[in-house]
C-alpha atoms as a PDB file:
ATOM      1  CA  MET A   1       0.000   0.000   0.000  1.00  0.00           C
ATOM      2  CA  VAL A   2       1.197   3.559   0.593  1.00  0.00           C
ATOM      3  CA  LYS A   3       4.794   3.152   1.753  1.00  0.00           C
ATOM      4  CA  LYS A   4       5.010   6.734   2.969  1.00  0.00           C
ATOM      5  CA  SER A   5       2.336   9.344   3.386  1.00  0.00           C
ATOM      6  CA  VAL A   6       2.152  12.863   4.743  1.00  0.00           C
ATOM      7  CA  ALA A   7       0.860  11.340   7.988  1.00  0.00           C
ATOM      8  CA  SER A   8       4.325   9.906   8.603  1.00  0.00           C
ATOM      9  CA  LEU A   9       5.940  13.348   8.570  1.00  0.00           C
ATOM     10  CA  THR A  10       6.292  15.060  11.956  1.00  0.00           C
ATOM     11  CA  ALA A  11       6.549  18.718  12.888  1.00  0.00           C
ATOM     12  CA  ALA A  12      10.284  18.211  13.179  1.00  0.00           C
ATOM     13  CA  ASP A  13      10.318  17.012   9.555  1.00  0.00           C
ATOM     14  CA  LEU A  14       8.190  19.871   8.270  1.00  0.00           C
ATOM     15  CA  ALA A  15       8.766  23.027  10.304  1.00  0.00           C
ATOM     16  CA  GLY A  16      10.191  25.692   8.011  1.00  0.00           C
ATOM     17  CA  LYS A  17      10.254  23.337   5.018  1.00  0.00           C
ATOM     18  CA  ARG A  18       8.849  24.349   1.634  1.00  0.00           C
ATOM     19  CA  VAL A  19       6.360  21.676   0.603  1.00  0.00           C
ATOM     20  CA  LEU A  20       5.116  21.435  -2.988  1.00  0.00           C
ATOM     21  CA  VAL A  21       1.611  19.952  -2.922  1.00  0.00           C
ATOM     22  CA  ARG A  22       0.021  18.740  -6.148  1.00  0.00           C
ATOM     23  CA  ALA A  23      -3.728  19.048  -5.683  1.00  0.00           C
ATOM     24  CA  ASP A  24      -6.633  18.702  -8.099  1.00  0.00           C
ATOM     25  CA  PHE A  25      -8.422  22.045  -8.207  1.00  0.00           C
ATOM     26  CA  ASN A  26     -10.012  21.478 -11.612  1.00  0.00           C
ATOM     27  CA  VAL A  27     -13.422  22.641 -10.378  1.00  0.00           C
ATOM     28  CA  PRO A  28     -16.469  23.679 -12.442  1.00  0.00           C
ATOM     29  CA  LEU A  29     -17.259  27.377 -12.921  1.00  0.00           C
ATOM     30  CA  ASP A  30     -20.402  29.137 -14.055  1.00  0.00           C
ATOM     31  CA  ASP A  31     -20.467  31.792 -16.781  1.00  0.00           C
ATOM     32  CA  GLN A  32     -19.503  34.455 -14.231  1.00  0.00           C
ATOM     33  CA  GLY A  33     -16.435  32.531 -13.099  1.00  0.00           C
ATOM     34  CA  ASN A  34     -17.938  31.399  -9.794  1.00  0.00           C
ATOM     35  CA  ILE A  35     -17.127  27.935  -8.461  1.00  0.00           C
ATOM     36  CA  THR A  36     -20.256  25.776  -8.569  1.00  0.00           C
ATOM     37  CA  ASP A  37     -18.830  22.737  -6.783  1.00  0.00           C
ATOM     38  CA  ASP A  38     -15.883  23.009  -4.380  1.00  0.00           C
ATOM     39  CA  THR A  39     -15.692  19.296  -3.524  1.00  0.00           C
ATOM     40  CA  ARG A  40     -12.176  18.909  -4.902  1.00  0.00           C
ATOM     41  CA  ILE A  41     -10.942  21.923  -2.954  1.00  0.00           C
ATOM     42  CA  ARG A  42     -12.439  20.603   0.270  1.00  0.00           C
ATOM     43  CA  ALA A  43     -10.867  17.189  -0.388  1.00  0.00           C
ATOM     44  CA  ALA A  44      -7.410  18.772  -0.223  1.00  0.00           C
ATOM     45  CA  LEU A  45      -7.996  20.545   3.105  1.00  0.00           C
ATOM     46  CA  PRO A  46      -6.866  17.719   5.451  1.00  0.00           C
ATOM     47  CA  THR A  47      -3.447  17.592   3.788  1.00  0.00           C
ATOM     48  CA  ILE A  48      -3.054  21.376   3.638  1.00  0.00           C
ATOM     49  CA  GLN A  49      -4.140  21.875   7.240  1.00  0.00           C
ATOM     50  CA  ASP A  50      -1.898  19.105   8.525  1.00  0.00           C
ATOM     51  CA  LEU A  51       1.105  20.665   6.800  1.00  0.00           C
ATOM     52  CA  THR A  52       0.399  24.200   8.004  1.00  0.00           C
ATOM     53  CA  SER A  53      -0.224  23.005  11.573  1.00  0.00           C
ATOM     54  CA  LYS A  54       3.254  21.457  11.538  1.00  0.00           C
ATOM     55  CA  GLY A  55       4.888  24.675  10.401  1.00  0.00           C
ATOM     56  CA  ALA A  56       5.414  23.893   6.723  1.00  0.00           C
ATOM     57  CA  LYS A  57       5.405  26.516   4.006  1.00  0.00           C
ATOM     58  CA  VAL A  58       2.788  25.114   1.643  1.00  0.00           C
ATOM     59  CA  ILE A  59       3.080  25.641  -2.118  1.00  0.00           C
ATOM     60  CA  LEU A  60      -0.040  24.422  -3.915  1.00  0.00           C
ATOM     61  CA  THR A  61      -0.078  23.550  -7.590  1.00  0.00           C
ATOM     62  CA  SER A  62      -2.796  22.271  -9.907  1.00  0.00           C
ATOM     63  CA  HIS A  63      -4.042  22.204 -13.466  1.00  0.00           C
ATOM     64  CA  PHE A  64      -7.312  23.770 -14.547  1.00  0.00           C
ATOM     65  CA  GLY A  65      -9.078  22.878 -17.766  1.00  0.00           C
ATOM     66  CA  ARG A  66      -7.250  22.346 -21.028  1.00  0.00           C
ATOM     67  CA  PRO A  67      -5.470  25.578 -21.978  1.00  0.00           C
ATOM     68  CA  LYS A  68      -3.241  23.712 -24.456  1.00  0.00           C
ATOM     69  CA  ALA A  69       0.062  25.205 -23.315  1.00  0.00           C
ATOM     70  CA  GLN A  70      -0.966  28.833 -23.474  1.00  0.00           C
ATOM     71  CA  VAL A  71      -2.206  31.401 -20.978  1.00  0.00           C
ATOM     72  CA  VAL A  72      -6.010  31.452 -20.978  1.00  0.00           C
ATOM     73  CA  GLU A  73      -7.378  34.110 -18.648  1.00  0.00           C
ATOM     74  CA  SER A  74     -10.559  32.161 -17.901  1.00  0.00           C
ATOM     75  CA  MET A  75      -8.453  29.206 -16.749  1.00  0.00           C
ATOM     76  CA  ARG A  76      -6.447  30.994 -14.087  1.00  0.00           C
ATOM     77  CA  LEU A  77      -6.707  29.635 -10.538  1.00  0.00           C
ATOM     78  CA  THR A  78      -7.784  32.953  -9.021  1.00  0.00           C
ATOM     79  CA  PRO A  79     -11.293  31.702  -8.023  1.00  0.00           C
ATOM     80  CA  VAL A  80      -9.660  28.717  -6.322  1.00  0.00           C
ATOM     81  CA  ALA A  81      -7.380  30.972  -4.268  1.00  0.00           C
ATOM     82  CA  LYS A  82     -10.383  32.967  -3.082  1.00  0.00           C
ATOM     83  CA  ARG A  83     -12.292  29.825  -2.052  1.00  0.00           C
ATOM     84  CA  LEU A  84      -9.230  28.378  -0.320  1.00  0.00           C
ATOM     85  CA  GLU A  85      -8.914  31.527   1.771  1.00  0.00           C
ATOM     86  CA  GLU A  86     -12.528  31.143   2.869  1.00  0.00           C
ATOM     87  CA  LEU A  87     -12.163  27.470   3.757  1.00  0.00           C
ATOM     88  CA  LEU A  88      -8.746  27.735   5.436  1.00  0.00           C
ATOM     89  CA  GLY A  89      -9.542  30.943   7.276  1.00  0.00           C
ATOM     90  CA  GLN A  90      -6.201  32.454   6.333  1.00  0.00           C
ATOM     91  CA  PRO A  91      -4.680  34.376   3.402  1.00  0.00           C
ATOM     92  CA  VAL A  92      -3.528  32.440   0.350  1.00  0.00           C
ATOM     93  CA  ILE A  93      -0.822  34.092  -1.697  1.00  0.00           C
ATOM     94  CA  LYS A  94      -1.791  33.743  -5.364  1.00  0.00           C
ATOM     95  CA  CYS A  95       1.102  33.641  -7.835  1.00  0.00           C
ATOM     96  CA  ASP A  96       0.603  34.632 -11.465  1.00  0.00           C
ATOM     97  CA  ASP A  97       3.001  31.934 -12.656  1.00  0.00           C
ATOM     98  CA  CYS A  98       4.156  28.499 -11.506  1.00  0.00           C
ATOM     99  CA  ILE A  99       7.883  28.888 -12.212  1.00  0.00           C
ATOM    100  CA  GLY A 100      10.387  31.721 -12.372  1.00  0.00           C
ATOM    101  CA  GLU A 101      11.793  34.518 -10.263  1.00  0.00           C
ATOM    102  CA  ALA A 102       8.449  35.962  -9.159  1.00  0.00           C
ATOM    103  CA  VAL A 103       7.402  32.578  -7.790  1.00  0.00           C
ATOM    104  CA  ALA A 104      10.750  32.169  -6.016  1.00  0.00           C
ATOM    105  CA  ALA A 105      10.327  35.572  -4.390  1.00  0.00           C
ATOM    106  CA  ALA A 106       6.789  34.757  -3.229  1.00  0.00           C
ATOM    107  CA  VAL A 107       7.860  31.420  -1.748  1.00  0.00           C
ATOM    108  CA  ASN A 108      10.875  32.987  -0.021  1.00  0.00           C
ATOM    109  CA  GLY A 109       8.499  35.440   1.616  1.00  0.00           C
ATOM    110  CA  LEU A 110       6.329  32.745   3.153  1.00  0.00           C
ATOM    111  CA  ALA A 111       6.308  32.350   6.911  1.00  0.00           C
ATOM    112  CA  ASN A 112       5.889  28.955   8.556  1.00  0.00           C
ATOM    113  CA  GLY A 113       2.274  27.826   8.200  1.00  0.00           C
ATOM    114  CA  GLN A 114       1.494  30.091   5.259  1.00  0.00           C
ATOM    115  CA  VAL A 115       0.056  28.982   1.912  1.00  0.00           C
ATOM    116  CA  ALA A 116       0.795  30.002  -1.682  1.00  0.00           C
ATOM    117  CA  LEU A 117      -1.074  28.890  -4.807  1.00  0.00           C
ATOM    118  CA  LEU A 118       0.856  28.685  -8.070  1.00  0.00           C
ATOM    119  CA  GLU A 119      -0.753  29.386 -11.429  1.00  0.00           C
ATOM    120  CA  ASN A 120      -2.170  26.715 -13.736  1.00  0.00           C
ATOM    121  CA  VAL A 121       0.670  24.322 -14.613  1.00  0.00           C
ATOM    122  CA  ARG A 122      -0.921  23.491 -17.962  1.00  0.00           C
ATOM    123  CA  PHE A 123      -0.110  26.970 -19.229  1.00  0.00           C
ATOM    124  CA  TYR A 124       3.236  25.326 -20.053  1.00  0.00           C
ATOM    125  CA  ALA A 125       3.717  22.548 -22.622  1.00  0.00           C
ATOM    126  CA  GLY A 126       6.312  21.001 -20.301  1.00  0.00           C
ATOM    127  CA  GLU A 127       3.614  19.939 -17.846  1.00  0.00           C
ATOM    128  CA  GLU A 128       1.799  17.352 -19.943  1.00  0.00           C
ATOM    129  CA  ALA A 129       5.015  16.417 -21.777  1.00  0.00           C
ATOM    130  CA  ASN A 130       6.660  15.704 -18.393  1.00  0.00           C
ATOM    131  CA  ASP A 131       9.623  17.769 -19.549  1.00  0.00           C
ATOM    132  CA  PRO A 132      12.534  17.296 -17.100  1.00  0.00           C
ATOM    133  CA  GLU A 133      13.607  20.920 -17.308  1.00  0.00           C
ATOM    134  CA  PHE A 134      10.103  22.189 -16.529  1.00  0.00           C
ATOM    135  CA  ALA A 135       9.812  19.688 -13.659  1.00  0.00           C
ATOM    136  CA  LYS A 136      13.155  20.893 -12.309  1.00  0.00           C
ATOM    137  CA  GLN A 137      11.995  24.521 -12.378  1.00  0.00           C
ATOM    138  CA  LEU A 138       8.716  23.563 -10.698  1.00  0.00           C
ATOM    139  CA  ALA A 139      10.595  21.733  -7.954  1.00  0.00           C
ATOM    140  CA  ALA A 140      13.240  24.425  -7.516  1.00  0.00           C
ATOM    141  CA  ASN A 141      11.276  26.330  -4.871  1.00  0.00           C
ATOM    142  CA  ALA A 142      10.488  23.327  -2.650  1.00  0.00           C
ATOM    143  CA  ASP A 143      12.230  20.941  -0.264  1.00  0.00           C
ATOM    144  CA  LEU A 144       9.827  18.012  -0.457  1.00  0.00           C
ATOM    145  CA  TYR A 145       6.728  16.911  -2.366  1.00  0.00           C
ATOM    146  CA  VAL A 146       3.209  15.721  -1.554  1.00  0.00           C
ATOM    147  CA  ASN A 147       0.884  14.339  -4.231  1.00  0.00           C
ATOM    148  CA  ASP A 148      -2.761  14.617  -3.244  1.00  0.00           C
ATOM    149  CA  ALA A 149      -4.290  14.827  -6.731  1.00  0.00           C
ATOM    150  CA  PHE A 150      -6.002  11.450  -6.882  1.00  0.00           C
ATOM    151  CA  GLY A 151      -7.897  12.272 -10.078  1.00  0.00           C
ATOM    152  CA  THR A 152      -4.694  12.962 -12.024  1.00  0.00           C
ATOM    153  CA  ALA A 153      -2.215  10.713 -10.221  1.00  0.00           C
ATOM    154  CA  HIS A 154      -2.318   8.219 -13.094  1.00  0.00           C
ATOM    155  CA  ARG A 155      -0.868  10.790 -15.506  1.00  0.00           C
ATOM    156  CA  ALA A 156       2.910  10.995 -15.909  1.00  0.00           C
ATOM    157  CA  HIS A 157       3.045  14.783 -15.999  1.00  0.00           C
ATOM    158  CA  ALA A 158       5.739  17.076 -14.652  1.00  0.00           C
ATOM    159  CA  SER A 159       3.765  18.055 -11.540  1.00  0.00           C
ATOM    160  CA  THR A 160       2.647  14.497 -10.749  1.00  0.00           C
ATOM    161  CA  ALA A 161       5.731  12.480 -11.688  1.00  0.00           C
ATOM    162  CA  GLY A 162       8.614  14.566 -12.966  1.00  0.00           C
ATOM    163  CA  VAL A 163       9.154  16.599  -9.799  1.00  0.00           C
ATOM    164  CA  THR A 164       9.798  13.470  -7.739  1.00  0.00           C
ATOM    165  CA  ALA A 165      13.224  13.190  -9.377  1.00  0.00           C
ATOM    166  CA  TYR A 166      14.209  16.437  -7.654  1.00  0.00           C
ATOM    167  CA  LEU A 167      12.356  16.337  -4.324  1.00  0.00           C
ATOM    168  CA  SER A 168      12.784  13.887  -1.467  1.00  0.00           C
ATOM    169  CA  PRO A 169      10.860  12.679   0.311  1.00  0.00           C
ATOM    170  CA  SER A 170       7.946  12.523  -2.118  1.00  0.00           C
ATOM    171  CA  VAL A 171       4.852  11.244  -0.316  1.00  0.00           C
ATOM    172  CA  ALA A 172       1.115  10.748  -0.748  1.00  0.00           C
ATOM    173  CA  GLY A 173      -1.420  13.125   0.749  1.00  0.00           C
ATOM    174  CA  TYR A 174      -4.401  12.099   2.859  1.00  0.00           C
ATOM    175  CA  LEU A 175      -6.814  11.997  -0.073  1.00  0.00           C
ATOM    176  CA  ILE A 176      -4.678   9.604  -2.106  1.00  0.00           C
ATOM    177  CA  GLU A 177      -3.981   7.481   0.963  1.00  0.00           C
ATOM    178  CA  LYS A 178      -7.699   7.212   1.756  1.00  0.00           C
ATOM    179  CA  GLU A 179      -8.666   6.342  -1.807  1.00  0.00           C
ATOM    180  CA  LEU A 180      -5.938   3.703  -2.153  1.00  0.00           C
ATOM    181  CA  GLN A 181      -6.900   2.084   1.136  1.00  0.00           C
ATOM    182  CA  TYR A 182     -10.516   1.956   0.006  1.00  0.00           C
ATOM    183  CA  LEU A 183      -9.611   0.516  -3.379  1.00  0.00           C
ATOM    184  CA  GLN A 184      -7.313  -2.075  -1.840  1.00  0.00           C
ATOM    185  CA  ALA A 185     -10.038  -3.325   0.487  1.00  0.00           C
ATOM    186  CA  ALA A 186     -12.648  -3.391  -2.276  1.00  0.00           C
ATOM    187  CA  ILE A 187     -10.410  -5.233  -4.758  1.00  0.00           C
ATOM    188  CA  GLU A 188      -8.620  -7.678  -2.436  1.00  0.00           C
ATOM    189  CA  ASN A 189     -11.670  -8.737  -0.438  1.00  0.00           C
ATOM    190  CA  PRO A 190     -14.706  -7.794  -2.544  1.00  0.00           C
ATOM    191  CA  GLN A 191     -18.331  -8.704  -2.222  1.00  0.00           C
ATOM    192  CA  ARG A 192     -19.340 -10.727  -5.262  1.00  0.00           C
ATOM    193  CA  PRO A 193     -20.388 -10.105  -7.916  1.00  0.00           C
ATOM    194  CA  LEU A 194     -18.082  -7.086  -8.155  1.00  0.00           C
ATOM    195  CA  ALA A 195     -19.054  -4.277 -10.524  1.00  0.00           C
ATOM    196  CA  ALA A 196     -16.797  -1.397 -11.506  1.00  0.00           C
ATOM    197  CA  ILE A 197     -17.727   1.850 -13.228  1.00  0.00           C
ATOM    198  CA  ILE A 198     -15.143   3.834 -15.142  1.00  0.00           C
ATOM    199  CA  GLY A 199     -15.448   7.062 -17.075  1.00  0.00           C
ATOM    200  CA  GLY A 200     -13.224   9.490 -18.913  1.00  0.00           C
ATOM    201  CA  SER A 201     -12.847  11.036 -22.309  1.00  0.00           C
ATOM    202  CA  LYS A 202     -10.088   8.818 -23.721  1.00  0.00           C
ATOM    203  CA  VAL A 203      -9.515   5.087 -23.849  1.00  0.00           C
ATOM    204  CA  SER A 204      -5.771   5.716 -24.150  1.00  0.00           C
ATOM    205  CA  SER A 205      -5.523   7.211 -20.650  1.00  0.00           C
ATOM    206  CA  LYS A 206      -7.463   4.317 -19.080  1.00  0.00           C
ATOM    207  CA  ILE A 207      -5.856   1.305 -20.746  1.00  0.00           C
ATOM    208  CA  GLY A 208      -3.997   0.127 -17.661  1.00  0.00           C
ATOM    209  CA  VAL A 209      -6.976   0.671 -15.393  1.00  0.00           C
ATOM    210  CA  ILE A 210      -9.382  -1.176 -17.679  1.00  0.00           C
ATOM    211  CA  GLU A 211      -6.996  -4.112 -18.148  1.00  0.00           C
ATOM    212  CA  THR A 212      -6.466  -4.387 -14.399  1.00  0.00           C
ATOM    213  CA  LEU A 213     -10.196  -4.226 -13.689  1.00  0.00           C
ATOM    214  CA  LEU A 214     -10.898  -6.959 -16.228  1.00  0.00           C
ATOM    215  CA  GLU A 215      -8.715  -9.217 -14.057  1.00  0.00           C
ATOM    216  CA  LYS A 216     -10.719  -8.394 -10.930  1.00  0.00           C
ATOM    217  CA  VAL A 217     -14.380  -7.649 -11.643  1.00  0.00           C
ATOM    218  CA  ASP A 218     -17.463  -9.492 -12.812  1.00  0.00           C
ATOM    219  CA  LYS A 219     -19.033  -6.498 -14.521  1.00  0.00           C
ATOM    220  CA  LEU A 220     -17.456  -3.365 -16.004  1.00  0.00           C
ATOM    221  CA  LEU A 221     -19.610  -0.371 -16.894  1.00  0.00           C
ATOM    222  CA  ILE A 222     -17.939   2.169 -19.156  1.00  0.00           C
ATOM    223  CA  GLY A 223     -19.057   5.789 -19.468  1.00  0.00           C
ATOM    224  CA  GLY A 224     -17.740   9.178 -20.496  1.00  0.00           C
ATOM    225  CA  GLY A 225     -16.443  10.226 -23.879  1.00  0.00           C
ATOM    226  CA  MET A 226     -14.542   6.972 -24.351  1.00  0.00           C
ATOM    227  CA  ILE A 227     -17.797   5.106 -25.036  1.00  0.00           C
ATOM    228  CA  PHE A 228     -17.865   6.557 -28.542  1.00  0.00           C
ATOM    229  CA  THR A 229     -14.540   4.930 -29.403  1.00  0.00           C
ATOM    230  CA  PHE A 230     -16.039   1.604 -28.322  1.00  0.00           C
ATOM    231  CA  TYR A 231     -19.224   2.300 -30.302  1.00  0.00           C
ATOM    232  CA  LYS A 232     -17.289   3.098 -33.474  1.00  0.00           C
ATOM    233  CA  ALA A 233     -15.162   0.000 -32.958  1.00  0.00           C
ATOM    234  CA  ARG A 234     -18.443  -1.929 -33.032  1.00  0.00           C
ATOM    235  CA  GLY A 235     -19.306  -0.312 -36.370  1.00  0.00           C
ATOM    236  CA  LEU A 236     -21.907   2.129 -35.034  1.00  0.00           C
ATOM    237  CA  SER A 237     -22.326   5.722 -36.211  1.00  0.00           C
ATOM    238  CA  VAL A 238     -21.199   8.265 -33.614  1.00  0.00           C
ATOM    239  CA  GLY A 239     -21.611  11.539 -35.516  1.00  0.00           C
ATOM    240  CA  LYS A 240     -19.300  14.283 -34.263  1.00  0.00           C
ATOM    241  CA  SER A 241     -18.682  12.625 -30.903  1.00  0.00           C
ATOM    242  CA  LEU A 242     -15.174  12.320 -29.474  1.00  0.00           C
ATOM    243  CA  VAL A 243     -13.401   9.294 -30.959  1.00  0.00           C
ATOM    244  CA  GLU A 244      -9.783   8.133 -30.758  1.00  0.00           C
ATOM    245  CA  GLU A 245      -9.431   6.799 -34.281  1.00  0.00           C
ATOM    246  CA  ASP A 246      -6.079   5.159 -33.513  1.00  0.00           C
ATOM    247  CA  LYS A 247      -7.561   3.219 -30.580  1.00  0.00           C
ATOM    248  CA  LEU A 248     -10.378   1.389 -32.368  1.00  0.00           C
ATOM    249  CA  GLU A 249      -8.434  -1.879 -32.485  1.00  0.00           C
ATOM    250  CA  LEU A 250      -7.580  -1.467 -28.811  1.00  0.00           C
ATOM    251  CA  ALA A 251     -11.269  -1.076 -27.944  1.00  0.00           C
ATOM    252  CA  GLN A 252     -12.010  -4.270 -29.864  1.00  0.00           C
ATOM    253  CA  ALA A 253      -9.194  -6.067 -28.050  1.00  0.00           C
ATOM    254  CA  LEU A 254     -10.484  -4.953 -24.640  1.00  0.00           C
ATOM    255  CA  GLU A 255     -13.975  -6.209 -25.447  1.00  0.00           C
ATOM    256  CA  ALA A 256     -12.495  -9.500 -26.621  1.00  0.00           C
ATOM    257  CA  LYS A 257     -10.524  -9.816 -23.381  1.00  0.00           C
ATOM    258  CA  ALA A 258     -13.664  -9.133 -21.346  1.00  0.00           C
ATOM    259  CA  LYS A 259     -15.533 -11.856 -23.233  1.00  0.00           C
ATOM    260  CA  GLU A 260     -12.642 -14.275 -22.789  1.00  0.00           C
ATOM    261  CA  ARG A 261     -12.605 -13.724 -19.036  1.00  0.00           C
ATOM    262  CA  GLY A 262     -16.381 -13.848 -18.693  1.00  0.00           C
ATOM    263  CA  VAL A 263     -16.650 -10.197 -17.674  1.00  0.00           C
ATOM    264  CA  ASP A 264     -19.863  -8.434 -18.652  1.00  0.00           C
ATOM    265  CA  LEU A 265     -18.620  -5.210 -20.284  1.00  0.00           C
ATOM    266  CA  LEU A 266     -21.534  -2.790 -20.453  1.00  0.00           C
ATOM    267  CA  LEU A 267     -21.884   0.303 -22.615  1.00  0.00           C
ATOM    268  CA  PRO A 268     -24.868   2.678 -22.427  1.00  0.00           C
ATOM    269  CA  THR A 269     -27.767   1.877 -24.713  1.00  0.00           C
ATOM    270  CA  ASP A 270     -29.073   5.442 -25.016  1.00  0.00           C
ATOM    271  CA  VAL A 271     -27.213   8.718 -25.416  1.00  0.00           C
ATOM    272  CA  VAL A 272     -28.087  12.384 -25.120  1.00  0.00           C
ATOM    273  CA  VAL A 273     -27.122  14.115 -28.365  1.00  0.00           C
ATOM    274  CA  ALA A 274     -26.831  17.851 -28.897  1.00  0.00           C
ATOM    275  CA  ASP A 275     -25.671  20.293 -31.544  1.00  0.00           C
ATOM    276  CA  ASN A 276     -23.306  22.151 -29.151  1.00  0.00           C
ATOM    277  CA  PHE A 277     -22.103  22.352 -25.520  1.00  0.00           C
ATOM    278  CA  ALA A 278     -24.294  25.282 -24.403  1.00  0.00           C
ATOM    279  CA  ALA A 279     -26.844  24.871 -21.621  1.00  0.00           C
ATOM    280  CA  ASP A 280     -29.640  25.781 -24.053  1.00  0.00           C
ATOM    281  CA  ALA A 281     -28.434  23.453 -26.814  1.00  0.00           C
ATOM    282  CA  ASN A 282     -30.932  21.407 -28.786  1.00  0.00           C
ATOM    283  CA  ALA A 283     -30.607  18.057 -27.023  1.00  0.00           C
ATOM    284  CA  GLN A 284     -32.536  14.810 -27.039  1.00  0.00           C
ATOM    285  CA  THR A 285     -32.165  11.235 -25.819  1.00  0.00           C
ATOM    286  CA  VAL A 286     -31.889   8.600 -28.531  1.00  0.00           C
ATOM    287  CA  SER A 287     -30.861   5.000 -28.890  1.00  0.00           C
ATOM    288  CA  ILE A 288     -27.207   4.625 -29.774  1.00  0.00           C
ATOM    289  CA  ASP A 289     -28.388   2.956 -32.973  1.00  0.00           C
ATOM    290  CA  ALA A 290     -30.034   6.250 -33.956  1.00  0.00           C
ATOM    291  CA  SER A 291     -27.533   8.825 -32.689  1.00  0.00           C
ATOM    292  CA  GLY A 292     -27.142  10.360 -36.149  1.00  0.00           C
ATOM    293  CA  THR A 293     -24.203  11.870 -37.942  1.00  0.00           C
ATOM    294  CA  HIS A 294     -24.467  15.633 -37.384  1.00  0.00           C
ATOM    295  CA  ARG A 295     -24.570  15.799 -33.608  1.00  0.00           C
ATOM    296  CA  SER A 296     -22.322  14.658 -30.783  1.00  0.00           C
ATOM    297  CA  GLY A 297     -23.028  12.611 -27.672  1.00  0.00           C
ATOM    298  CA  ARG A 298     -23.246  14.415 -24.311  1.00  0.00           C
ATOM    299  CA  ASP A 299     -24.645  11.895 -21.808  1.00  0.00           C
ATOM    300  CA  HIS A 300     -25.862   8.331 -21.644  1.00  0.00           C
ATOM    301  CA  ASP A 301     -28.240   5.892 -20.011  1.00  0.00           C
ATOM    302  CA  TYR A 302     -27.974   2.289 -18.831  1.00  0.00           C
ATOM    303  CA  ARG A 303     -31.722   1.813 -18.392  1.00  0.00           C
ATOM    304  CA  ARG A 304     -32.079  -1.027 -20.849  1.00  0.00           C
ATOM    305  CA  ARG A 305     -29.084  -3.058 -19.844  1.00  0.00           C
ATOM    306  CA  GLY A 306     -27.149  -1.410 -17.077  1.00  0.00           C
ATOM    307  CA  LEU A 307     -27.890   0.143 -13.725  1.00  0.00           C
ATOM    308  CA  GLY A 308     -31.543   0.665 -14.469  1.00  0.00           C
ATOM    309  CA  GLY A 309     -31.998  -2.877 -15.717  1.00  0.00           C
ATOM    310  CA  GLY A 310     -30.388  -6.126 -14.733  1.00  0.00           C
ATOM    311  CA  GLY A 311     -26.785  -5.424 -15.618  1.00  0.00           C
ATOM    312  CA  GLY A 312     -25.716  -3.347 -12.669  1.00  0.00           C
ATOM    313  CA  LYS A 313     -28.208  -4.166  -9.970  1.00  0.00           C
ATOM    314  CA  SER A 314     -26.676  -7.562  -9.426  1.00  0.00           C
ATOM    315  CA  GLY A 315     -23.330  -6.031  -8.524  1.00  0.00           C
ATOM    316  CA  ARG A 316     -22.828  -5.914  -4.750  1.00  0.00           C
ATOM    317  CA  GLY A 317     -19.332  -4.481  -4.550  1.00  0.00           C
ATOM    318  CA  GLY A 318     -18.567  -1.444  -6.642  1.00  0.00           C
ATOM    319  CA  GLN A 319     -15.879   0.956  -7.817  1.00  0.00           C
ATOM    320  CA  ASN A 320     -16.826   4.233  -9.403  1.00  0.00           C
ATOM    321  CA  GLU A 321     -15.011   6.877 -11.404  1.00  0.00           C
ATOM    322  CA  PRO A 322     -18.023   8.762 -12.789  1.00  0.00           C
ATOM    323  CA  HIS A 323     -16.569  11.451 -15.079  1.00  0.00           C
ATOM    324  CA  PHE A 324     -19.465  11.018 -17.463  1.00  0.00           C
ATOM    325  CA  HIS A 325     -20.149  14.494 -18.790  1.00  0.00           C
ATOM    326  CA  ARG A 326     -18.473  17.723 -19.777  1.00  0.00           C
ATOM    327  CA  ARG A 327     -19.625  20.353 -17.289  1.00  0.00           C
ATOM    328  CA  ARG A 328     -22.570  20.851 -14.983  1.00  0.00           C
ATOM    329  CA  GLY A 329     -25.179  23.026 -16.633  1.00  0.00           C
ATOM    330  CA  GLN A 330     -24.381  21.672 -20.102  1.00  0.00           C
ATOM    331  CA  PRO A 331     -26.566  19.103 -21.818  1.00  0.00           C
ATOM    332  CA  GLY A 332     -25.842  15.706 -20.387  1.00  0.00           C
ATOM    333  CA  THR A 333     -25.685  15.355 -16.621  1.00  0.00           C
ATOM    334  CA  ALA A 334     -28.667  13.126 -15.842  1.00  0.00           C
ATOM    335  CA  GLY A 335     -26.885   9.866 -16.696  1.00  0.00           C
ATOM    336  CA  ARG A 336     -24.073  10.522 -14.247  1.00  0.00           C
ATOM    337  CA  GLN A 337     -26.533  11.599 -11.564  1.00  0.00           C
ATOM    338  CA  ARG A 338     -28.552   8.414 -12.036  1.00  0.00           C
ATOM    339  CA  VAL A 339     -25.403   6.308 -11.683  1.00  0.00           C
ATOM    340  CA  ALA A 340     -24.344   8.249  -8.597  1.00  0.00           C
ATOM    341  CA  ARG A 341     -27.746   7.764  -6.954  1.00  0.00           C
ATOM    342  CA  TYR A 342     -27.508   4.033  -7.559  1.00  0.00           C
ATOM    343  CA  CYS A 343     -23.998   3.809  -6.148  1.00  0.00           C
ATOM    344  CA  ARG A 344     -24.627   5.788  -2.973  1.00  0.00           C
ATOM    345  CA  PRO A 345     -24.509   3.791   0.280  1.00  0.00           C
ATOM    346  CA  ARG A 346     -27.789   2.212   1.356  1.00  0.00           C
END
């Protein structure tokens, strides 16, 4: 399990130390730039508060959206800094960059127990490319590293993987530790039949997870944008929906592996299609067989074969990663909400 976590670090280890904390502050905003769901920010609080209480100088870093290696004003972390101040009850120094002299000066000015928030790491191409030089610059202002970004921990990016080559110790935060402990218990001693739910936009980023789950579960429900790659691999029309054309054979191979192992791999039978991403877009629910060619999928439903029918209800144990839609307020949130209601503890 977790060989070393932030819980193992004492005040003697942390007092006066500069701690780079990778969090996941990729929260939804409304049209006015207000945070509509601060769950991910709250999830990072135990780690942040533990570090500050032990006298560490906390340097927070995160991505936000997909700025594609350029500065996008609407994707700055300024709203996150404001919400952090409210939740922590103390000032949070917001930096306008994540590397460079200005960041070094801000970090050097921190007192023990203070918090700084760096700017969106994805403003730099070196983040997603896991460029060693960018990782080195990101790590330059810290003494040790804590990863508490569970939702992005599987990505080998500079802020999640690259910085560990320059900072020691590198440990897990409380959120990652909690999630791994939960997953370990659910996978190693599950209630049978075991059902897992996985979402995400790309098959390519979930290959390892899907292959591992196929070794463990009895049923695997797939959601999110990746379903359209599976649909197209089956020869179905997916219109303008997101598809990884170079992963069609992989999708076929994964379905073949599921069949070989006797795992029931479930895809939604109905999808919500729309002509754009706006909240007032022209959207309707159709069978996947009739999704059309001029629209793109936004949400989905398992009513015929999944959670609303027989496919998911027979699963007693469950794992859930329900990133099944683009943004709250856009067409296509009901499917995720239905899945979440089913999965909640009874």
